[in-house]
Protein backbone atom coordinates (compact mmCIF):
# COMPACT_ATOMS: atom_id res chain seq x y z
CA MET A 1 -0.18 -0.06 -0.12
CA GLY A 2 1.54 3.39 -1.08
CA LYS A 3 2.32 5.82 1.81
CA THR A 4 0.89 9.80 1.75
CA ALA A 5 2.78 12.67 1.01
CA ALA A 6 2.50 13.28 5.03
CA GLU A 7 4.24 10.10 5.94
CA ARG A 8 7.00 10.14 3.07
CA ARG A 9 8.16 13.72 5.36
CA ALA A 10 8.18 12.23 7.71
CA THR A 11 10.12 9.70 6.48
CA ARG A 12 12.82 11.98 5.04
CA LYS A 13 12.75 14.25 7.98
CA ARG A 14 13.63 10.99 9.59
CA LYS A 15 16.62 10.19 7.85
CA GLN A 16 18.05 13.76 7.68
CA GLN A 17 17.85 13.71 11.81
CA ASP A 18 19.96 10.78 11.32
CA ARG A 19 22.37 12.37 9.00
CA ASP A 20 22.64 15.32 11.29
CA ARG A 21 23.34 13.09 14.22
CA ARG A 22 25.90 10.99 12.71
CA ARG A 23 27.56 14.46 10.74
CA PRO A 24 31.00 15.23 13.47
CA GLY A 25 30.73 18.55 14.95
CA SER A 26 26.98 18.58 14.82
CA GLY A 27 26.52 18.25 18.34
CA PRO A 28 27.83 17.33 21.85
CA GLY A 29 29.24 14.36 22.88
CA PRO A 30 31.94 12.26 21.70
CA TRP A 31 31.87 9.65 18.76
CA THR A 32 31.64 6.07 18.31
CA GLY A 33 31.59 3.24 15.76
CA ALA A 34 29.84 4.25 12.63
CA ASP A 35 30.05 8.29 13.69
CA GLU A 36 34.59 7.95 14.01
CA GLN A 37 34.71 5.98 10.98
CA ASP A 38 32.85 8.58 8.90
CA PHE A 39 34.95 11.38 10.66
CA GLU A 40 37.90 9.57 9.64
CA TYR A 41 36.37 8.95 5.61
CA GLN A 42 35.41 12.75 5.59
CA ARG A 43 39.23 13.83 6.41
CA ARG A 44 40.20 11.03 4.32
CA GLN A 45 38.94 12.38 1.15
CA LEU A 46 39.07 16.46 2.12
CA ILE A 47 43.34 15.12 1.98
CA ARG A 48 42.83 13.82 -0.84
CA ALA A 49 40.93 16.27 -2.78
CA ALA A 50 43.44 18.82 -1.88
CA MET A 51 46.26 16.77 -3.34
CA PHE A 52 46.10 17.85 -6.93
CA ALA A 53 43.83 21.60 -5.81
CA ASP A 54 44.00 24.74 -6.94
CA ASP A 55 44.48 27.27 -4.30
CA TYR A 56 40.85 28.28 -3.83
CA THR A 57 40.08 24.31 -3.68
CA VAL A 58 42.42 23.91 -0.80
CA GLU A 59 41.78 27.06 1.13
CA GLN A 60 38.14 25.24 1.16
CA VAL A 61 39.68 22.17 2.37
CA VAL A 62 41.43 23.53 4.81
CA ALA A 63 38.48 25.60 6.44
CA ARG A 64 36.55 22.61 6.61
CA LEU A 65 39.55 21.15 8.11
CA ALA A 66 39.71 23.64 11.25
CA VAL A 67 35.65 22.93 11.67
CA LEU A 68 36.50 18.67 11.42
CA ASP A 69 39.42 18.44 13.40
CA PRO A 70 40.21 21.97 15.34
CA GLY A 71 43.34 19.83 17.07
CA VAL A 72 44.72 19.79 14.07
CA ASP A 73 45.37 15.37 13.56
CA GLU A 74 44.85 14.52 17.53
CA ASP A 75 44.11 11.25 16.46
CA GLY A 76 47.41 10.24 14.19
CA LEU A 77 45.54 9.90 10.99
CA ALA A 78 47.40 12.63 8.79
CA SER A 79 50.71 11.52 10.59
CA SER A 80 50.06 7.88 9.52
CA LEU A 81 48.94 8.81 5.59
CA LEU A 82 51.99 11.20 5.41
CA VAL A 83 54.50 8.43 6.54
CA GLY A 84 52.77 5.81 4.17
CA LEU A 85 53.80 8.15 1.38
CA VAL A 86 57.46 8.10 2.18
CA ASN A 87 57.48 4.72 3.02
CA GLY A 88 56.03 4.45 -0.45
CA LEU A 89 58.56 6.81 -1.87
CA TRP A 90 61.28 5.04 -0.49
CA GLU A 91 59.96 1.45 -2.08
CA ARG A 92 60.68 3.88 -5.60
CA GLY A 93 63.87 4.38 -4.94
CA TRP A 94 63.64 7.45 -3.34
CA GLN A 95 66.53 8.03 0.28
CA PRO A 96 65.80 10.32 2.78
CA ALA A 97 67.19 13.29 1.76
CA ASP A 98 65.91 13.14 -1.46
CA ILE A 99 62.79 13.55 -0.06
CA ALA A 100 63.33 16.85 2.14
CA HIS A 101 65.43 18.37 -0.76
CA VAL A 102 62.08 18.18 -3.49
CA VAL A 103 60.13 19.29 -0.24
CA ARG A 104 62.98 22.29 0.61
CA ARG A 105 62.67 23.31 -2.69
CA SER A 106 59.27 23.63 -3.25
CA THR A 107 57.25 24.29 0.21
CA THR A 108 59.08 26.54 2.93
CA GLN A 109 61.10 25.64 6.06
CA ARG A 110 58.47 25.03 8.22
CA VAL A 111 56.76 22.07 6.00
CA THR A 112 59.96 21.05 5.65
CA ARG A 113 60.85 20.24 9.85
CA LEU A 114 57.56 19.00 9.34
CA ALA A 115 58.79 16.61 5.96
CA ILE A 116 62.00 15.42 8.10
CA ALA A 117 59.46 14.24 10.86
CA ALA A 118 57.73 12.20 8.63
CA ILE A 119 60.89 10.70 7.47
CA ALA A 120 62.10 10.29 10.81
CA GLU A 121 59.24 8.12 12.00
CA GLY A 122 59.01 5.97 8.63
CA ALA A 123 62.57 6.04 9.31
CA ARG A 124 61.86 4.65 13.15
CA VAL A 125 59.39 2.50 11.76
CA ALA A 126 61.66 0.68 9.42
CA GLY A 127 64.64 0.34 12.20
CA ALA A 128 66.52 2.19 9.88
CA GLU A 129 69.39 2.00 13.24
CA THR A 130 70.08 -1.01 12.88
CA ARG A 131 69.05 -2.54 9.56
CA ALA A 132 69.38 0.77 7.53
CA PRO A 133 72.52 0.75 4.83
CA GLU A 134 75.29 3.31 6.00
CA ASP A 135 74.09 6.06 3.15
CA TRP A 136 70.96 5.80 4.87
CA LEU A 137 72.22 6.28 8.08
CA ALA A 138 74.28 9.53 7.26
CA GLN A 139 72.14 11.01 5.10
CA LEU A 140 68.96 10.37 8.22
CA ALA A 141 71.83 11.68 10.50
CA ALA A 142 72.55 15.20 8.25
CA LEU A 143 69.05 15.62 8.70
CA ASP A 144 68.89 15.28 12.04
CA ALA A 145 65.92 12.12 11.60
CA LEU A 146 67.64 9.45 13.39
CA ALA A 147 65.40 9.65 16.39
CA SER A 148 61.64 10.77 16.04
CA PRO A 149 59.50 11.66 19.00
CA GLY A 150 57.23 9.00 18.08
CA PRO A 151 53.90 9.65 16.64
CA PRO A 152 51.62 11.44 15.91
CA ILE A 153 53.90 13.49 13.75
CA VAL A 154 51.46 16.54 13.03
CA THR A 155 50.53 16.74 17.01
CA ASN A 156 54.22 16.81 18.04
CA TRP A 157 55.28 19.33 15.10
CA LEU A 158 52.25 22.06 16.03
CA ARG A 159 53.80 21.69 19.87
CA THR A 160 56.66 22.73 17.98
CA GLU A 161 55.39 25.42 16.04
CA GLY A 162 52.49 26.69 17.48
CA LEU A 163 51.01 27.64 14.32
CA PRO A 164 46.79 28.19 14.49
CA VAL A 165 44.94 26.05 13.00
CA LEU A 166 44.45 27.19 9.24
CA ASP A 167 47.44 27.39 9.08
CA ALA A 168 48.82 24.47 10.36
CA TRP A 169 46.33 22.45 8.20
CA ARG A 170 47.30 24.20 5.23
CA ASP A 171 50.87 23.56 5.62
CA VAL A 172 50.10 19.51 6.31
CA LEU A 173 48.27 19.89 2.82
CA ARG A 174 51.04 21.93 1.71
CA LEU A 175 53.43 18.32 2.34
CA PHE A 176 51.09 16.68 0.91
CA ALA A 177 50.91 17.94 -2.28
CA ALA A 178 54.75 18.01 -3.00
CA LEU A 179 54.77 14.12 -1.54
CA THR A 180 51.62 13.06 -4.24
CA GLY A 181 53.02 12.20 -8.22
CA LEU A 182 56.69 11.88 -7.29
CA GLY A 183 57.61 9.16 -9.54
CA GLU A 184 60.59 6.91 -9.82
CA LEU A 185 63.82 7.41 -9.15
CA GLN A 186 66.87 5.12 -9.83
CA GLN A 187 67.24 2.57 -6.50
CA LEU A 188 71.22 3.12 -5.24
CA THR A 189 70.01 1.40 -2.12
CA PRO A 190 67.91 -1.14 -0.91
CA PRO A 191 64.54 -0.17 0.10
CA PRO A 192 63.61 -0.79 3.93
CA SER A 193 61.48 -3.75 2.55
CA ARG A 194 65.25 -5.50 1.96
CA TRP A 195 66.73 -4.22 4.76
CA GLY A 196 66.44 -7.66 5.97
CA THR A 197 68.94 -9.24 3.92
CA ARG A 198 71.49 -6.50 3.60
CA GLU A 199 73.88 -6.74 0.48
CA ALA A 200 77.67 -7.01 0.95
CA SER A 201 79.63 -3.47 1.21
CA PRO A 202 81.45 -3.09 -1.82
CA ARG A 203 84.87 -4.25 -1.50
CA ARG A 204 87.66 -1.69 -0.30
CA THR A 205 89.92 -1.38 -2.40
CA ALA A 206 93.20 1.87 -2.73
CA ALA A 207 90.35 2.78 -5.58
CA VAL A 208 88.18 3.28 -2.99
CA THR A 209 88.36 6.94 -0.92
CA ASP A 210 91.34 6.39 0.88
CA ALA A 211 90.40 8.76 4.71
CA ARG A 212 94.06 9.84 4.68
CA VAL A 213 94.16 10.77 1.27
CA LEU A 214 90.76 12.92 1.64
CA GLY A 215 91.81 14.27 5.33
CA ARG A 216 95.74 15.64 3.77
CA ILE A 217 93.97 17.28 0.79
CA ARG A 218 91.12 18.67 3.21
CA GLY A 219 94.02 20.41 5.17
CA LEU A 220 95.98 21.51 2.35
CA LEU A 221 92.53 22.92 1.25
CA ALA A 222 92.04 24.46 4.28
CA LYS A 223 95.44 26.16 4.08
CA ALA A 224 94.87 27.74 1.08
CA GLU A 225 91.52 29.10 2.22
CA ARG A 226 93.37 30.83 4.87
CA THR A 227 95.91 32.26 3.42
CA GLU A 228 96.31 36.16 1.92
CA PHE A 229 98.72 35.41 -0.24
CA PRO A 230 97.60 33.68 -4.06
CA GLU A 231 100.80 32.22 -4.60
CA GLU A 232 100.96 30.27 -1.90
CA ALA A 233 97.31 29.26 -1.79
CA ASP A 234 98.03 28.43 -5.96
CA ALA A 235 100.27 26.20 -4.81
CA LEU A 236 98.90 24.42 -2.22
CA SER A 237 95.56 23.71 -4.57
CA ALA A 238 98.27 22.67 -7.34
CA LYS A 239 99.42 20.34 -4.67
CA ALA A 240 96.03 19.17 -3.63
CA GLN A 241 94.90 18.26 -7.18
CA GLU A 242 97.62 16.28 -7.56
CA LEU A 243 96.95 14.65 -4.67
CA MET A 244 93.56 13.78 -5.81
CA THR A 245 95.41 12.97 -9.27
CA ARG A 246 97.52 10.53 -8.00
CA HIS A 247 95.28 8.43 -5.60
CA ALA A 248 93.03 7.97 -8.82
CA VAL A 249 96.26 6.90 -10.56
CA ASP A 250 97.91 4.25 -8.01
CA ALA A 251 93.79 2.83 -7.50
CA ALA A 252 94.03 2.31 -11.41
CA VAL A 253 97.61 0.68 -11.16
CA LEU A 254 96.92 -1.74 -8.35
CA ASP A 255 93.37 -2.58 -9.89
CA ALA A 256 95.05 -3.60 -13.26
CA GLN A 257 97.97 -5.51 -11.09
CA HIS A 258 95.57 -7.25 -9.59
CA GLY A 259 93.05 -7.83 -12.62
CA ILE A 260 89.95 -6.15 -9.88
CA SER A 261 87.01 -5.65 -12.37
CA ILE A 262 86.21 -1.70 -12.74
CA THR A 263 82.72 -2.31 -13.06
CA ASP A 264 81.55 -3.94 -9.90
CA GLN A 265 83.24 -0.85 -7.96
CA VAL A 266 80.98 1.59 -9.91
CA VAL A 267 78.53 2.98 -7.96
CA ALA A 268 75.97 6.16 -7.56
CA ARG A 269 75.83 9.10 -5.47
CA ARG A 270 73.00 11.54 -5.88
CA VAL A 271 73.67 15.67 -5.72
CA HIS A 272 70.73 18.38 -4.59
CA VAL A 273 70.91 21.31 -6.65
CA ASP A 274 69.33 24.32 -5.18
CA ASN A 275 67.87 26.89 -6.41
CA PRO A 276 68.98 29.92 -7.95
CA TYR A 277 70.17 28.61 -11.77
CA PRO A 278 70.86 25.14 -10.79
CA GLU A 279 71.22 24.43 -14.30
CA ALA A 280 74.50 26.00 -14.22
CA LYS A 281 75.69 25.04 -10.97
CA VAL A 282 74.55 21.07 -13.16
CA GLN A 283 77.28 22.04 -15.43
CA LEU A 284 79.98 22.92 -12.99
CA LEU A 285 79.45 19.62 -11.37
CA ASP A 286 79.33 18.26 -14.97
CA ALA A 287 82.36 19.57 -15.55
CA VAL A 288 84.32 18.46 -12.64
CA GLY A 289 82.79 14.97 -13.11
CA ARG A 290 83.96 14.72 -16.30
CA VAL A 291 87.59 15.41 -15.78
CA ASN A 292 87.44 13.29 -13.03
CA GLY A 293 86.31 10.24 -14.50
CA VAL A 294 82.34 10.65 -13.47
CA ARG A 295 79.13 10.75 -15.74
CA VAL A 296 76.63 13.49 -14.35
CA ILE A 297 72.68 13.09 -15.31
CA TRP A 298 70.44 15.49 -14.86
CA ILE A 299 66.44 15.77 -13.51
CA GLU A 300 66.32 19.30 -13.82
CA GLN A 301 62.21 19.36 -12.40
CA LEU A 302 63.22 18.07 -8.79
CA GLY A 303 67.01 19.17 -8.99
CA ILE A 304 68.63 16.47 -8.39
CA ALA A 305 71.78 15.02 -10.10
CA THR A 306 73.34 11.81 -10.06
CA MET A 307 76.83 11.24 -10.67
CA VAL A 308 78.09 7.61 -11.23
CA GLY A 309 81.51 6.66 -10.52
CA LEU A 310 84.27 5.33 -8.81
CA PRO A 311 84.12 5.60 -5.05
CA ALA A 312 86.97 7.97 -4.33
CA ASP A 313 86.51 9.75 -7.83
CA LEU A 314 82.56 10.78 -6.50
CA ASP A 315 84.21 11.69 -3.13
CA ALA A 316 86.77 14.45 -5.60
CA VAL A 317 84.28 15.43 -7.11
CA ASP A 318 82.41 16.20 -4.43
CA LEU A 319 84.94 17.77 -2.67
CA LEU A 320 85.87 19.92 -5.41
CA PHE A 321 82.57 20.64 -6.87
CA THR A 322 81.28 22.41 -3.14
CA SER A 323 85.14 24.32 -3.13
CA LEU A 324 84.33 26.03 -6.50
CA LEU A 325 80.78 26.73 -5.86
CA VAL A 326 82.15 28.47 -2.60
CA GLN A 327 83.98 30.67 -5.07
CA ALA A 328 82.30 30.97 -7.78
CA THR A 329 79.76 32.27 -5.91
CA ARG A 330 81.50 35.25 -4.11
CA ALA A 331 83.00 35.60 -7.15
CA MET A 332 80.25 36.54 -8.75
CA THR A 333 78.66 38.52 -5.66
CA ASP A 334 81.77 41.05 -5.58
CA THR A 335 81.56 41.24 -9.64
CA GLY A 336 78.03 42.64 -8.52
CA ARG A 337 78.53 44.60 -5.76
CA ALA A 338 81.45 46.38 -8.24
CA GLY A 339 79.99 46.81 -10.97
CA ALA A 340 76.85 48.38 -12.51
CA GLY A 341 73.21 47.15 -11.87
CA SER A 342 72.87 44.37 -14.81
CA THR A 343 75.78 42.67 -13.14
CA ARG A 344 72.90 41.67 -10.57
CA SER A 345 70.73 40.59 -12.93
CA PRO A 346 69.71 36.92 -13.54
CA SER A 347 70.76 36.55 -16.48
CA PHE A 348 74.33 37.81 -16.18
CA ARG A 349 74.82 35.25 -13.16
CA ARG A 350 73.18 32.39 -14.64
CA ALA A 351 76.08 33.54 -17.44
CA PHE A 352 78.30 33.97 -14.88
CA LEU A 353 78.15 30.62 -13.22
CA THR A 354 77.90 28.54 -16.72
CA SER A 355 81.36 30.27 -18.42
CA TYR A 356 83.25 29.68 -15.15
CA ALA A 357 81.82 25.76 -15.00
CA PHE A 358 83.27 25.97 -18.65
CA ARG A 359 87.09 27.34 -17.89
CA ILE A 360 87.01 25.95 -14.71
CA GLY A 361 86.91 22.39 -16.06
CA GLU A 362 89.93 23.37 -18.85
CA ARG A 363 92.10 24.20 -15.93
CA LEU A 364 91.17 21.05 -14.79
CA THR A 365 91.83 18.55 -17.49
CA GLN A 366 94.96 20.76 -18.11
CA ALA A 367 96.08 19.53 -14.09
CA ARG A 368 94.86 16.17 -14.30
CA GLU A 369 96.65 16.01 -17.81
CA GLN A 370 100.03 17.32 -16.02
CA VAL A 371 99.57 15.06 -13.41
CA THR A 372 98.85 11.69 -15.37
CA GLU A 373 102.08 12.58 -18.05
CA GLU A 374 104.62 12.46 -14.95
CA ALA A 375 102.68 9.91 -13.11
CA SER A 376 103.51 8.09 -15.96
CA ARG A 377 107.31 8.88 -16.96
CA SER A 378 107.71 8.07 -12.64
CA ILE A 379 105.87 4.53 -12.99
CA GLY A 380 107.39 3.72 -16.61
CA THR A 381 104.46 2.79 -17.88
CA ASP A 382 101.87 3.76 -20.58
CA LEU A 383 98.95 4.98 -18.33
CA VAL A 384 96.31 5.64 -21.14
CA PRO A 385 95.22 2.33 -21.57
CA VAL A 386 94.57 1.88 -17.96
CA MET A 387 92.52 4.68 -17.34
CA ARG A 388 90.50 4.45 -20.53
CA ALA A 389 89.66 1.36 -19.07
CA ARG A 390 88.30 2.73 -16.03
CA THR A 391 86.04 5.00 -18.26
CA GLU A 392 84.73 2.89 -19.94
CA ALA A 393 83.35 1.08 -17.02
CA VAL A 394 82.19 4.55 -15.74
CA ASP A 395 80.43 4.71 -19.14
CA ASP A 396 78.64 0.63 -19.22
CA VAL A 397 77.74 1.14 -16.48
CA PHE A 398 76.14 4.96 -16.22
CA ALA A 399 74.38 3.14 -19.80
CA GLN A 400 72.98 0.56 -17.86
CA MET A 401 71.52 2.83 -15.29
CA PHE A 402 69.99 5.54 -17.75
CA PRO A 403 69.61 4.22 -21.13
CA LYS A 404 67.41 7.15 -22.03
CA THR A 405 69.25 10.05 -21.46
CA ARG A 406 69.90 13.55 -23.94
CA ALA A 407 72.29 16.53 -23.74
CA THR A 408 71.01 19.38 -22.56
CA LYS A 409 71.08 22.56 -24.31
CA SER A 410 72.50 25.47 -22.50
CA ARG A 411 69.65 28.69 -23.83
CA GLY A 412 71.44 32.20 -24.69
CA LEU A 413 73.69 33.76 -22.02
CA ASP A 414 74.65 37.28 -21.46
CA ALA A 415 78.29 37.95 -22.92
CA ARG A 416 79.47 40.42 -20.52
CA GLY A 417 79.04 37.33 -17.55
CA TRP A 418 80.27 34.52 -19.88
CA TYR A 419 83.58 36.68 -20.06
CA ALA A 420 83.49 37.75 -16.03
CA GLY A 421 82.79 34.24 -15.66
CA GLN A 422 85.93 33.09 -17.36
CA LEU A 423 88.06 35.69 -15.54
CA ALA A 424 86.86 34.40 -12.10
CA ALA A 425 87.81 30.80 -13.65
CA ASP A 426 90.86 31.60 -14.52
CA ASN A 427 91.31 32.86 -10.77
CA ALA A 428 89.94 30.35 -9.31
CA ASP A 429 92.05 27.92 -6.50
CA LEU A 430 91.46 24.70 -7.51
CA GLY A 431 89.85 23.44 -4.81
CA SER A 432 90.11 25.86 -2.17
CA GLY A 433 86.96 26.48 -0.18
CA ARG A 434 85.57 24.41 2.29
CA ASP A 435 82.84 26.84 3.52
CA GLN A 436 79.62 24.47 3.79
CA VAL A 437 77.36 25.85 1.10
CA SER A 438 74.09 24.55 -0.08
CA HIS A 439 74.63 23.52 -3.34
């Protein structure tokens, strides 16, 4: 039998009242059962909606979350989702320093601190302190992420930052957006899911970095930086470059004598290049790398470069790149301070750094060739085939890791910046300057 219009209206009213009672924030009293599930579902949907939304939609989501959850993730839902995103990235080739870099590059220091908290909590859950590879532990230590205060990370972060609820939810959503949609990176070390079966460390040979040699090199560079006399700085820097090259030559000869596989020793390491002018900075990295038998690939949208080479060569390149970037930045700043306003323009500075990289590559090549020739005469052996074998091994591994690459093209460059950069490169100390700067 059909219902009357009045009965249908009464039925609709009862259903609406039931929905109102289940809606979060609609009335006093704790939520239980279906109410809690509905509360969690709504927040999940709101967070998901904000991940790829425009600014207007994000602000609407922020306002809604502030009403739904004014305590900002007291039950740890958002924290759990963030840690889950981080863990998923690790399984797709990302490492702790990579995640911190892309977040820092696209958001704020405050959001980056939340990202590091998520990294620390993910590492704690994975048992990183006792199971992670050495590279991971070093990255976690550098981020101060070896110890996590525990869940929920958002609540702990908010307690430290002391933010209003709207600002807090806005930052949380910014981090979700920064972490969502990141693609895969090349696996350089085993992810947490494979830590249970630790891979053996590479064989320690003369080709792997000798800590004593690097210590001497750093000492020479420190003296070169402190001296006020250019001639002394040049002599100290030349000695440092000689040690670097001689160490590589000795390792090559020793490996050849013992028939040690070079290919098995080739490894990869990432370098994070920050704004501004990252494309010019990575050209400096590539110039230093090529001279020292290291190949470099650049992921422009992430600001991440990957170096492929022998461990000792990677250490030398990292040392030289950081040092020369310090010098280039100082020289560029001094030129801008002394020159006209145009010398402080982005086009001038980009050209300056690009030219600096080009000229430094030429100088380093000359220095390395001279030391190699002297070593050949001293040893009485033609080192060209030996060094070529190392280059070919690196090229083979690089091609296997990155089969589809293309050369980058430089845009049009400011002529004044180009010549100023060449002059600065001619005056640079090869390897001096140990100031720590952001790449």
